Amino acid sequence: MIMANTLLNPKTAAWPATLAGATVLGSLALACIFPFAAIAALAALTLDRRAGIALVGAVWAANQAVGFLLMNFPWDAQAVGHGVAILAATLDGYGVARIAASKVEASVFRSVAALASAFATYEVLLRVYAQFGGGAENFSAEIVSGVAINDAIWFVGLLALRWAIGQATGDKTVLSPAR
């Protein structure tokens, strides 16, 4: 009941709704380089555990729906396996980001710790999966650094949007959970 009240409250629903919208638009624009680690870190920094897990799962589902239904991702074992690996890596990145953020006090350092830990976890787990499921060639330093820059840009942009939403709704707390 508490989660339903939170989702229906315009003050608290604006942020998850914004992330959902960014997911659909970002998935259409970026497809394979969607910033899952940035979303995991932001969820860890701004939502309680249940809402964060739900958001990560919903973001993944929206991204996969856009990919398979609108962008014609192939319906084969490799594509589905990669999708499941992305969900697992993102959920693990979220959990590690919550732990990292809970260990740091200053909000700037908490943000950096959350993003860096989510990104490292996400990339390492996907690389391990790629060793067996295919796609290991996508983990060159050039590609991973490009993905890292993409995630950092999305993270900063969405964090700024979180601040703007807070100003508009009266919720001045930009960052809070992960304790």
N, C-alpha and C. Protein backbone atom coordinates (compact mmCIF):
# COMPACT_ATOMS: atom_id res chain seq x y z
N MET A 1 0.81 -1.19 0.00
CA MET A 1 0.00 0.00 0.00
C MET A 1 0.86 1.26 0.00
N ILE A 2 1.98 1.24 0.73
CA ILE A 2 2.85 2.41 0.78
C ILE A 2 3.42 2.70 -0.60
N MET A 3 3.86 1.65 -1.32
CA MET A 3 4.42 1.85 -2.65
C MET A 3 3.37 2.41 -3.61
N ALA A 4 2.13 1.94 -3.52
CA ALA A 4 1.06 2.45 -4.38
C ALA A 4 0.80 3.92 -4.08
N ASN A 5 0.79 4.29 -2.80
CA ASN A 5 0.61 5.70 -2.45
C ASN A 5 1.74 6.56 -2.97
N THR A 6 2.96 6.04 -2.94
CA THR A 6 4.11 6.77 -3.44
C THR A 6 4.00 6.97 -4.94
N LEU A 7 3.59 5.95 -5.66
CA LEU A 7 3.49 6.05 -7.11
C LEU A 7 2.37 6.99 -7.54
N LEU A 8 1.33 7.11 -6.75
CA LEU A 8 0.20 7.97 -7.10
C LEU A 8 0.39 9.41 -6.62
N ASN A 9 1.35 9.65 -5.76
CA ASN A 9 1.61 10.99 -5.24
C ASN A 9 2.43 11.77 -6.26
N PRO A 10 1.90 12.88 -6.79
CA PRO A 10 2.63 13.63 -7.82
C PRO A 10 4.02 14.07 -7.37
N LYS A 11 4.19 14.34 -6.08
CA LYS A 11 5.49 14.77 -5.57
C LYS A 11 6.54 13.68 -5.71
N THR A 12 6.15 12.45 -5.43
CA THR A 12 7.12 11.36 -5.46
C THR A 12 7.09 10.58 -6.77
N ALA A 13 6.04 10.69 -7.54
CA ALA A 13 5.92 9.95 -8.79
C ALA A 13 6.68 10.62 -9.93
N ALA A 14 6.96 11.90 -9.82
CA ALA A 14 7.60 12.64 -10.92
C ALA A 14 8.97 12.05 -11.27
N TRP A 15 9.76 11.70 -10.28
CA TRP A 15 11.11 11.20 -10.54
C TRP A 15 11.10 9.83 -11.23
N PRO A 16 10.40 8.83 -10.69
CA PRO A 16 10.35 7.55 -11.42
C PRO A 16 9.73 7.69 -12.81
N ALA A 17 8.73 8.55 -12.94
CA ALA A 17 8.11 8.76 -14.26
C ALA A 17 9.10 9.38 -15.22
N THR A 18 9.92 10.28 -14.74
CA THR A 18 10.94 10.92 -15.57
C THR A 18 11.96 9.88 -16.03
N LEU A 19 12.39 9.01 -15.12
CA LEU A 19 13.35 7.97 -15.49
C LEU A 19 12.73 6.99 -16.48
N ALA A 20 11.44 6.70 -16.32
CA ALA A 20 10.77 5.82 -17.28
C ALA A 20 10.73 6.46 -18.66
N GLY A 21 10.40 7.73 -18.71
CA GLY A 21 10.38 8.44 -20.00
C GLY A 21 11.75 8.51 -20.63
N ALA A 22 12.76 8.79 -19.81
CA ALA A 22 14.13 8.84 -20.31
C ALA A 22 14.56 7.47 -20.84
N THR A 23 14.06 6.41 -20.22
CA THR A 23 14.39 5.06 -20.66
C THR A 23 13.87 4.81 -22.07
N VAL A 24 12.62 5.13 -22.30
CA VAL A 24 12.04 4.88 -23.62
C VAL A 24 12.75 5.73 -24.67
N LEU A 25 12.90 7.02 -24.41
CA LEU A 25 13.56 7.89 -25.38
C LEU A 25 15.03 7.50 -25.57
N GLY A 26 15.70 7.22 -24.47
CA GLY A 26 17.11 6.81 -24.55
C GLY A 26 17.29 5.49 -25.28
N SER A 27 16.37 4.56 -25.07
CA SER A 27 16.44 3.27 -25.75
C SER A 27 16.26 3.43 -27.25
N LEU A 28 15.35 4.30 -27.63
CA LEU A 28 15.15 4.55 -29.06
C LEU A 28 16.39 5.20 -29.68
N ALA A 29 17.01 6.11 -28.94
CA ALA A 29 18.16 6.83 -29.47
C ALA A 29 19.46 6.03 -29.40
N LEU A 30 19.63 5.27 -28.33
CA LEU A 30 20.94 4.66 -28.08
C LEU A 30 20.96 3.14 -28.19
N ALA A 31 19.84 2.50 -28.09
CA ALA A 31 19.72 1.04 -28.17
C ALA A 31 20.75 0.33 -27.30
N CYS A 32 21.86 -0.06 -27.87
CA CYS A 32 22.81 -0.93 -27.18
C CYS A 32 23.72 -0.22 -26.19
N ILE A 33 23.73 1.10 -26.18
CA ILE A 33 24.57 1.77 -25.19
C ILE A 33 23.73 2.57 -24.20
N PHE A 34 22.57 2.00 -23.87
CA PHE A 34 21.72 2.63 -22.87
C PHE A 34 22.45 2.66 -21.53
N PRO A 35 22.34 3.74 -20.76
CA PRO A 35 23.12 3.91 -19.52
C PRO A 35 22.54 3.17 -18.31
N PHE A 36 22.55 1.86 -18.37
CA PHE A 36 22.01 1.08 -17.26
C PHE A 36 22.74 1.34 -15.95
N ALA A 37 24.05 1.51 -15.99
CA ALA A 37 24.79 1.76 -14.75
C ALA A 37 24.41 3.10 -14.15
N ALA A 38 24.19 4.10 -14.98
CA ALA A 38 23.77 5.41 -14.48
C ALA A 38 22.40 5.31 -13.82
N ILE A 39 21.49 4.58 -14.44
CA ILE A 39 20.16 4.40 -13.86
C ILE A 39 20.26 3.65 -12.54
N ALA A 40 21.09 2.62 -12.49
CA ALA A 40 21.26 1.85 -11.25
C ALA A 40 21.81 2.75 -10.14
N ALA A 41 22.79 3.57 -10.46
CA ALA A 41 23.37 4.47 -9.46
C ALA A 41 22.35 5.51 -9.00
N LEU A 42 21.60 6.09 -9.93
CA LEU A 42 20.59 7.07 -9.55
C LEU A 42 19.50 6.45 -8.69
N ALA A 43 19.09 5.24 -9.03
CA ALA A 43 18.10 4.54 -8.20
C ALA A 43 18.64 4.30 -6.80
N ALA A 44 19.91 3.92 -6.70
CA ALA A 44 20.53 3.68 -5.40
C ALA A 44 20.61 4.95 -4.57
N LEU A 45 20.81 6.07 -5.23
CA LEU A 45 20.97 7.35 -4.54
C LEU A 45 19.66 8.05 -4.19
N THR A 46 18.58 7.67 -4.87
CA THR A 46 17.35 8.47 -4.72
C THR A 46 16.12 7.69 -4.28
N LEU A 47 16.16 6.37 -4.32
CA LEU A 47 14.98 5.58 -4.00
C LEU A 47 15.27 4.57 -2.91
N ASP A 48 14.22 4.17 -2.19
CA ASP A 48 14.43 3.11 -1.21
C ASP A 48 14.65 1.79 -1.95
N ARG A 49 15.02 0.76 -1.21
CA ARG A 49 15.42 -0.51 -1.82
C ARG A 49 14.35 -1.10 -2.74
N ARG A 50 13.13 -1.22 -2.27
CA ARG A 50 12.06 -1.81 -3.08
C ARG A 50 11.77 -1.00 -4.33
N ALA A 51 11.66 0.30 -4.16
CA ALA A 51 11.37 1.16 -5.31
C ALA A 51 12.54 1.14 -6.29
N GLY A 52 13.76 1.08 -5.78
CA GLY A 52 14.94 1.03 -6.64
C GLY A 52 14.99 -0.24 -7.47
N ILE A 53 14.73 -1.36 -6.83
CA ILE A 53 14.72 -2.64 -7.55
C ILE A 53 13.60 -2.64 -8.60
N ALA A 54 12.44 -2.14 -8.20
CA ALA A 54 11.31 -2.08 -9.14
C ALA A 54 11.64 -1.18 -10.32
N LEU A 55 12.28 -0.04 -10.05
CA LEU A 55 12.63 0.88 -11.13
C LEU A 55 13.65 0.25 -12.07
N VAL A 56 14.67 -0.38 -11.52
CA VAL A 56 15.69 -1.02 -12.37
C VAL A 56 15.04 -2.09 -13.25
N GLY A 57 14.16 -2.89 -12.66
CA GLY A 57 13.47 -3.90 -13.44
C GLY A 57 12.57 -3.30 -14.52
N ALA A 58 11.88 -2.24 -14.18
CA ALA A 58 11.00 -1.59 -15.16
C ALA A 58 11.79 -0.92 -16.28
N VAL A 59 12.90 -0.31 -15.94
CA VAL A 59 13.76 0.33 -16.95
C VAL A 59 14.29 -0.74 -17.91
N TRP A 60 14.74 -1.85 -17.36
CA TRP A 60 15.23 -2.94 -18.20
C TRP A 60 14.12 -3.46 -19.11
N ALA A 61 12.93 -3.67 -18.55
CA ALA A 61 11.81 -4.20 -19.34
C ALA A 61 11.44 -3.23 -20.46
N ALA A 62 11.41 -1.93 -20.15
CA ALA A 62 11.08 -0.94 -21.18
C ALA A 62 12.14 -0.94 -22.28
N ASN A 63 13.41 -1.01 -21.89
CA ASN A 63 14.49 -1.03 -22.86
C ASN A 63 14.39 -2.27 -23.76
N GLN A 64 14.12 -3.41 -23.17
CA GLN A 64 14.01 -4.64 -23.94
C GLN A 64 12.78 -4.61 -24.86
N ALA A 65 11.69 -4.05 -24.37
CA ALA A 65 10.49 -3.93 -25.20
C ALA A 65 10.76 -3.05 -26.41
N VAL A 66 11.42 -1.92 -26.20
CA VAL A 66 11.77 -1.05 -27.32
C VAL A 66 12.68 -1.81 -28.30
N GLY A 67 13.67 -2.49 -27.77
CA GLY A 67 14.62 -3.21 -28.63
C GLY A 67 13.97 -4.32 -29.44
N PHE A 68 13.20 -5.16 -28.77
CA PHE A 68 12.63 -6.31 -29.46
C PHE A 68 11.40 -5.96 -30.29
N LEU A 69 10.59 -5.03 -29.81
CA LEU A 69 9.34 -4.73 -30.50
C LEU A 69 9.44 -3.60 -31.53
N LEU A 70 10.30 -2.62 -31.26
CA LEU A 70 10.38 -1.47 -32.17
C LEU A 70 11.65 -1.44 -33.01
N MET A 71 12.73 -2.02 -32.48
CA MET A 71 14.01 -1.93 -33.19
C MET A 71 14.43 -3.26 -33.80
N ASN A 72 13.54 -4.22 -33.75
CA ASN A 72 13.76 -5.51 -34.39
C ASN A 72 15.01 -6.26 -33.92
N PHE A 73 15.27 -6.24 -32.60
CA PHE A 73 16.32 -7.10 -32.08
C PHE A 73 15.95 -8.53 -32.47
N PRO A 74 16.94 -9.37 -32.75
CA PRO A 74 16.63 -10.75 -33.14
C PRO A 74 16.07 -11.55 -31.96
N TRP A 75 15.11 -12.39 -32.25
CA TRP A 75 14.52 -13.25 -31.23
C TRP A 75 15.30 -14.57 -31.20
N ASP A 76 16.55 -14.50 -30.75
CA ASP A 76 17.35 -15.72 -30.67
C ASP A 76 17.94 -15.85 -29.27
N ALA A 77 18.52 -17.00 -29.01
CA ALA A 77 19.04 -17.29 -27.67
C ALA A 77 20.12 -16.30 -27.25
N GLN A 78 20.97 -15.89 -28.18
CA GLN A 78 22.04 -14.96 -27.83
C GLN A 78 21.47 -13.61 -27.40
N ALA A 79 20.52 -13.08 -28.15
CA ALA A 79 19.93 -11.78 -27.82
C ALA A 79 19.17 -11.83 -26.49
N VAL A 80 18.40 -12.88 -26.30
CA VAL A 80 17.65 -13.03 -25.05
C VAL A 80 18.62 -13.23 -23.89
N GLY A 81 19.66 -14.03 -24.10
CA GLY A 81 20.68 -14.23 -23.05
C GLY A 81 21.36 -12.94 -22.67
N HIS A 82 21.70 -12.12 -23.67
CA HIS A 82 22.31 -10.82 -23.37
C HIS A 82 21.34 -9.94 -22.58
N GLY A 83 20.07 -10.00 -22.94
CA GLY A 83 19.07 -9.21 -22.20
C GLY A 83 19.00 -9.61 -20.74
N VAL A 84 18.97 -10.91 -20.48
CA VAL A 84 18.93 -11.40 -19.11
C VAL A 84 20.22 -11.01 -18.37
N ALA A 85 21.36 -11.11 -19.06
CA ALA A 85 22.64 -10.72 -18.45
C ALA A 85 22.64 -9.23 -18.10
N ILE A 86 22.05 -8.42 -18.96
CA ILE A 86 21.96 -6.97 -18.68
C ILE A 86 21.12 -6.73 -17.42
N LEU A 87 20.00 -7.44 -17.29
CA LEU A 87 19.18 -7.28 -16.08
C LEU A 87 19.98 -7.68 -14.84
N ALA A 88 20.63 -8.82 -14.88
CA ALA A 88 21.40 -9.28 -13.72
C ALA A 88 22.52 -8.31 -13.38
N ALA A 89 23.24 -7.83 -14.40
CA ALA A 89 24.34 -6.90 -14.16
C ALA A 89 23.84 -5.57 -13.62
N THR A 90 22.70 -5.11 -14.11
CA THR A 90 22.14 -3.84 -13.63
C THR A 90 21.65 -3.96 -12.19
N LEU A 91 20.97 -5.06 -11.87
CA LEU A 91 20.53 -5.26 -10.49
C LEU A 91 21.71 -5.38 -9.54
N ASP A 92 22.75 -6.10 -9.96
CA ASP A 92 23.95 -6.20 -9.13
C ASP A 92 24.62 -4.84 -8.99
N GLY A 93 24.70 -4.09 -10.09
CA GLY A 93 25.26 -2.74 -10.03
C GLY A 93 24.49 -1.86 -9.08
N TYR A 94 23.17 -1.98 -9.08
CA TYR A 94 22.33 -1.23 -8.15
C TYR A 94 22.68 -1.59 -6.71
N GLY A 95 22.77 -2.89 -6.42
CA GLY A 95 23.10 -3.32 -5.05
C GLY A 95 24.46 -2.83 -4.60
N VAL A 96 25.45 -2.94 -5.47
CA VAL A 96 26.80 -2.48 -5.12
C VAL A 96 26.82 -0.96 -4.96
N ALA A 97 26.08 -0.25 -5.79
CA ALA A 97 26.01 1.22 -5.67
C ALA A 97 25.38 1.62 -4.34
N ARG A 98 24.37 0.89 -3.90
CA ARG A 98 23.76 1.19 -2.59
C ARG A 98 24.78 1.01 -1.47
N ILE A 99 25.54 -0.07 -1.56
CA ILE A 99 26.56 -0.33 -0.52
C ILE A 99 27.62 0.77 -0.56
N ALA A 100 28.13 1.07 -1.75
CA ALA A 100 29.18 2.09 -1.87
C ALA A 100 28.69 3.45 -1.38
N ALA A 101 27.49 3.82 -1.77
CA ALA A 101 26.95 5.13 -1.37
C ALA A 101 26.71 5.20 0.13
N SER A 102 26.40 4.08 0.76
CA SER A 102 26.15 4.09 2.20
C SER A 102 27.43 4.29 3.00
N LYS A 103 28.57 4.11 2.36
CA LYS A 103 29.86 4.22 3.05
C LYS A 103 30.47 5.62 2.93
N VAL A 104 29.85 6.50 2.15
CA VAL A 104 30.42 7.81 1.87
C VAL A 104 29.43 8.88 2.32
N GLU A 105 29.95 9.94 2.93
CA GLU A 105 29.08 10.99 3.48
C GLU A 105 28.78 12.13 2.50
N ALA A 106 29.78 12.76 1.95
CA ALA A 106 29.56 13.95 1.10
C ALA A 106 28.81 13.56 -0.17
N SER A 107 27.80 14.36 -0.55
CA SER A 107 26.93 13.97 -1.66
C SER A 107 27.66 13.84 -2.99
N VAL A 108 28.65 14.68 -3.24
CA VAL A 108 29.40 14.56 -4.50
C VAL A 108 30.17 13.25 -4.52
N PHE A 109 30.83 12.92 -3.44
CA PHE A 109 31.59 11.68 -3.38
C PHE A 109 30.67 10.46 -3.38
N ARG A 110 29.50 10.58 -2.73
CA ARG A 110 28.51 9.50 -2.77
C ARG A 110 28.07 9.24 -4.20
N SER A 111 27.84 10.32 -4.93
CA SER A 111 27.41 10.19 -6.33
C SER A 111 28.48 9.50 -7.16
N VAL A 112 29.72 9.94 -7.01
CA VAL A 112 30.83 9.34 -7.77
C VAL A 112 31.00 7.88 -7.38
N ALA A 113 30.94 7.59 -6.08
CA ALA A 113 31.10 6.21 -5.61
C ALA A 113 29.98 5.32 -6.16
N ALA A 114 28.76 5.83 -6.16
CA ALA A 114 27.63 5.05 -6.66
C ALA A 114 27.79 4.78 -8.15
N LEU A 115 28.09 5.81 -8.93
CA LEU A 115 28.23 5.62 -10.37
C LEU A 115 29.41 4.72 -10.71
N ALA A 116 30.56 4.98 -10.10
CA ALA A 116 31.75 4.17 -10.41
C ALA A 116 31.55 2.71 -10.03
N SER A 117 30.95 2.46 -8.88
CA SER A 117 30.75 1.07 -8.45
C SER A 117 29.69 0.38 -9.31
N ALA A 118 28.62 1.09 -9.65
CA ALA A 118 27.59 0.49 -10.51
C ALA A 118 28.18 0.18 -11.89
N PHE A 119 28.95 1.11 -12.43
CA PHE A 119 29.52 0.92 -13.75
C PHE A 119 30.52 -0.24 -13.77
N ALA A 120 31.42 -0.27 -12.79
CA ALA A 120 32.41 -1.35 -12.74
C ALA A 120 31.74 -2.71 -12.60
N THR A 121 30.77 -2.81 -11.72
CA THR A 121 30.04 -4.07 -11.53
C THR A 121 29.34 -4.48 -12.81
N TYR A 122 28.63 -3.55 -13.42
CA TYR A 122 27.88 -3.81 -14.65
C TYR A 122 28.81 -4.31 -15.76
N GLU A 123 29.89 -3.61 -15.98
CA GLU A 123 30.80 -3.96 -17.07
C GLU A 123 31.52 -5.29 -16.81
N VAL A 124 31.97 -5.51 -15.59
CA VAL A 124 32.67 -6.76 -15.28
C VAL A 124 31.73 -7.95 -15.47
N LEU A 125 30.51 -7.84 -14.96
CA LEU A 125 29.57 -8.96 -15.09
C LEU A 125 29.18 -9.20 -16.55
N LEU A 126 29.00 -8.15 -17.32
CA LEU A 126 28.68 -8.35 -18.73
C LEU A 126 29.88 -8.94 -19.48
N ARG A 127 31.07 -8.54 -19.10
CA ARG A 127 32.27 -9.10 -19.74
C ARG A 127 32.40 -10.58 -19.44
N VAL A 128 32.13 -10.96 -18.21
CA VAL A 128 32.16 -12.38 -17.85
C VAL A 128 31.12 -13.15 -18.66
N TYR A 129 29.92 -12.60 -18.75
CA TYR A 129 28.89 -13.26 -19.55
C TYR A 129 29.32 -13.36 -21.02
N ALA A 130 29.90 -12.28 -21.56
CA ALA A 130 30.29 -12.24 -22.97
C ALA A 130 31.33 -13.31 -23.30
N GLN A 131 32.12 -13.69 -22.32
CA GLN A 131 33.12 -14.73 -22.54
C GLN A 131 32.46 -16.03 -22.98
N PHE A 132 31.26 -16.27 -22.46
CA PHE A 132 30.55 -17.51 -22.77
C PHE A 132 29.38 -17.29 -23.72
N GLY A 133 28.71 -16.14 -23.63
CA GLY A 133 27.52 -15.89 -24.42
C GLY A 133 27.77 -15.13 -25.70
N GLY A 134 29.02 -14.73 -25.93
CA GLY A 134 29.36 -13.99 -27.14
C GLY A 134 29.40 -12.50 -26.90
N GLY A 135 30.16 -11.82 -27.73
CA GLY A 135 30.25 -10.37 -27.65
C GLY A 135 31.47 -9.84 -26.90
N ALA A 136 32.44 -10.71 -26.60
CA ALA A 136 33.62 -10.27 -25.86
C ALA A 136 34.38 -9.17 -26.59
N GLU A 137 34.25 -9.14 -27.92
CA GLU A 137 34.95 -8.11 -28.71
C GLU A 137 34.41 -6.70 -28.42
N ASN A 138 33.27 -6.61 -27.76
CA ASN A 138 32.69 -5.31 -27.43
C ASN A 138 33.24 -4.71 -26.14
N PHE A 139 34.29 -5.29 -25.61
CA PHE A 139 34.83 -4.81 -24.35
C PHE A 139 36.26 -4.28 -24.50
N SER A 140 36.55 -3.68 -25.64
CA SER A 140 37.85 -3.03 -25.81
C SER A 140 37.88 -1.77 -24.94
N ALA A 141 39.07 -1.28 -24.66
CA ALA A 141 39.20 -0.07 -23.85
C ALA A 141 38.47 1.10 -24.49
N GLU A 142 38.53 1.19 -25.80
CA GLU A 142 37.87 2.29 -26.52
C GLU A 142 36.35 2.23 -26.34
N ILE A 143 35.78 1.05 -26.48
CA ILE A 143 34.33 0.90 -26.35
C ILE A 143 33.89 1.13 -24.91
N VAL A 144 34.58 0.51 -23.97
CA VAL A 144 34.19 0.65 -22.56
C VAL A 144 34.34 2.10 -22.10
N SER A 145 35.39 2.78 -22.54
CA SER A 145 35.53 4.20 -22.13
C SER A 145 34.43 5.05 -22.76
N GLY A 146 34.02 4.73 -23.97
CA GLY A 146 32.90 5.45 -24.59
C GLY A 146 31.61 5.23 -23.83
N VAL A 147 31.38 3.99 -23.40
CA VAL A 147 30.19 3.68 -22.61
C VAL A 147 30.26 4.40 -21.26
N ALA A 148 31.45 4.46 -20.67
CA ALA A 148 31.61 5.15 -19.39
C ALA A 148 31.28 6.64 -19.53
N ILE A 149 31.76 7.26 -20.58
CA ILE A 149 31.45 8.68 -20.82
C ILE A 149 29.95 8.86 -21.03
N ASN A 150 29.35 7.98 -21.80
CA ASN A 150 27.90 8.03 -22.03
C ASN A 150 27.15 7.94 -20.69
N ASP A 151 27.52 6.98 -19.85
CA ASP A 151 26.85 6.82 -18.56
C ASP A 151 27.05 8.05 -17.68
N ALA A 152 28.26 8.61 -17.68
CA ALA A 152 28.54 9.80 -16.86
C ALA A 152 27.70 10.99 -17.33
N ILE A 153 27.58 11.17 -18.62
CA ILE A 153 26.78 12.28 -19.15
C ILE A 153 25.31 12.11 -18.77
N TRP A 154 24.79 10.90 -18.96
CA TRP A 154 23.41 10.63 -18.57
C TRP A 154 23.21 10.84 -17.07
N PHE A 155 24.17 10.37 -16.28
CA PHE A 155 24.07 10.49 -14.82
C PHE A 155 23.97 11.95 -14.41
N VAL A 156 24.87 12.78 -14.92
CA VAL A 156 24.87 14.20 -14.57
C VAL A 156 23.58 14.87 -15.07
N GLY A 157 23.18 14.56 -16.30
CA GLY A 157 21.96 15.16 -16.84
C GLY A 157 20.73 14.77 -16.06
N LEU A 158 20.60 13.49 -15.72
CA LEU A 158 19.44 13.05 -14.95
C LEU A 158 19.47 13.54 -13.52
N LEU A 159 20.66 13.68 -12.96
CA LEU A 159 20.77 14.24 -11.61
C LEU A 159 20.34 15.72 -11.62
N ALA A 160 20.71 16.44 -12.65
CA ALA A 160 20.26 17.84 -12.78
C ALA A 160 18.74 17.89 -12.94
N LEU A 161 18.21 16.95 -13.69
CA LEU A 161 16.75 16.88 -13.86
C LEU A 161 16.08 16.55 -12.53
N ARG A 162 16.69 15.68 -11.74
CA ARG A 162 16.19 15.35 -10.40
C ARG A 162 16.13 16.61 -9.54
N TRP A 163 17.18 17.43 -9.62
CA TRP A 163 17.21 18.69 -8.87
C TRP A 163 16.06 19.60 -9.33
N ALA A 164 15.86 19.72 -10.64
CA ALA A 164 14.80 20.57 -11.18
C ALA A 164 13.42 20.07 -10.75
N ILE A 165 13.22 18.76 -10.76
CA ILE A 165 11.95 18.20 -10.30
C ILE A 165 11.74 18.54 -8.83
N GLY A 166 12.81 18.42 -8.05
CA GLY A 166 12.72 18.77 -6.63
C GLY A 166 12.34 20.22 -6.42
N GLN A 167 12.88 21.10 -7.23
CA GLN A 167 12.53 22.52 -7.13
C GLN A 167 11.06 22.73 -7.46
N ALA A 168 10.58 22.03 -8.48
CA ALA A 168 9.19 22.20 -8.92
C ALA A 168 8.18 21.58 -7.94
N THR A 169 8.55 20.48 -7.30
CA THR A 169 7.62 19.78 -6.42
C THR A 169 7.79 20.14 -4.95
N GLY A 170 8.83 20.88 -4.64
CA GLY A 170 9.09 21.23 -3.24
C GLY A 170 9.90 20.19 -2.49
N ASP A 171 10.33 19.14 -3.18
CA ASP A 171 11.18 18.11 -2.57
C ASP A 171 12.62 18.52 -2.79
N LYS A 172 13.20 19.18 -1.83
CA LYS A 172 14.54 19.74 -1.98
C LYS A 172 15.64 18.70 -1.77
N THR A 173 15.28 17.48 -1.42
CA THR A 173 16.25 16.42 -1.22
C THR A 173 16.59 15.79 -2.56
N VAL A 174 17.75 16.11 -3.10
CA VAL A 174 18.15 15.55 -4.39
C VAL A 174 18.58 14.11 -4.21
N LEU A 175 19.38 13.86 -3.18
CA LEU A 175 19.87 12.52 -2.90
C LEU A 175 19.48 12.16 -1.47
N SER A 176 19.14 10.91 -1.21
CA SER A 176 18.87 10.52 0.16
C SER A 176 19.05 9.05 0.48
N PRO A 177 18.38 8.08 -0.17
CA PRO A 177 18.50 6.69 0.26
C PRO A 177 19.91 6.11 0.24
N ALA A 178 20.00 4.82 0.17
CA ALA A 178 21.24 4.05 0.20
C ALA A 178 21.86 4.06 1.59
N ARG A 179 21.05 4.05 2.61
CA ARG A 179 21.56 3.99 3.98
C ARG A 179 21.25 2.66 4.60
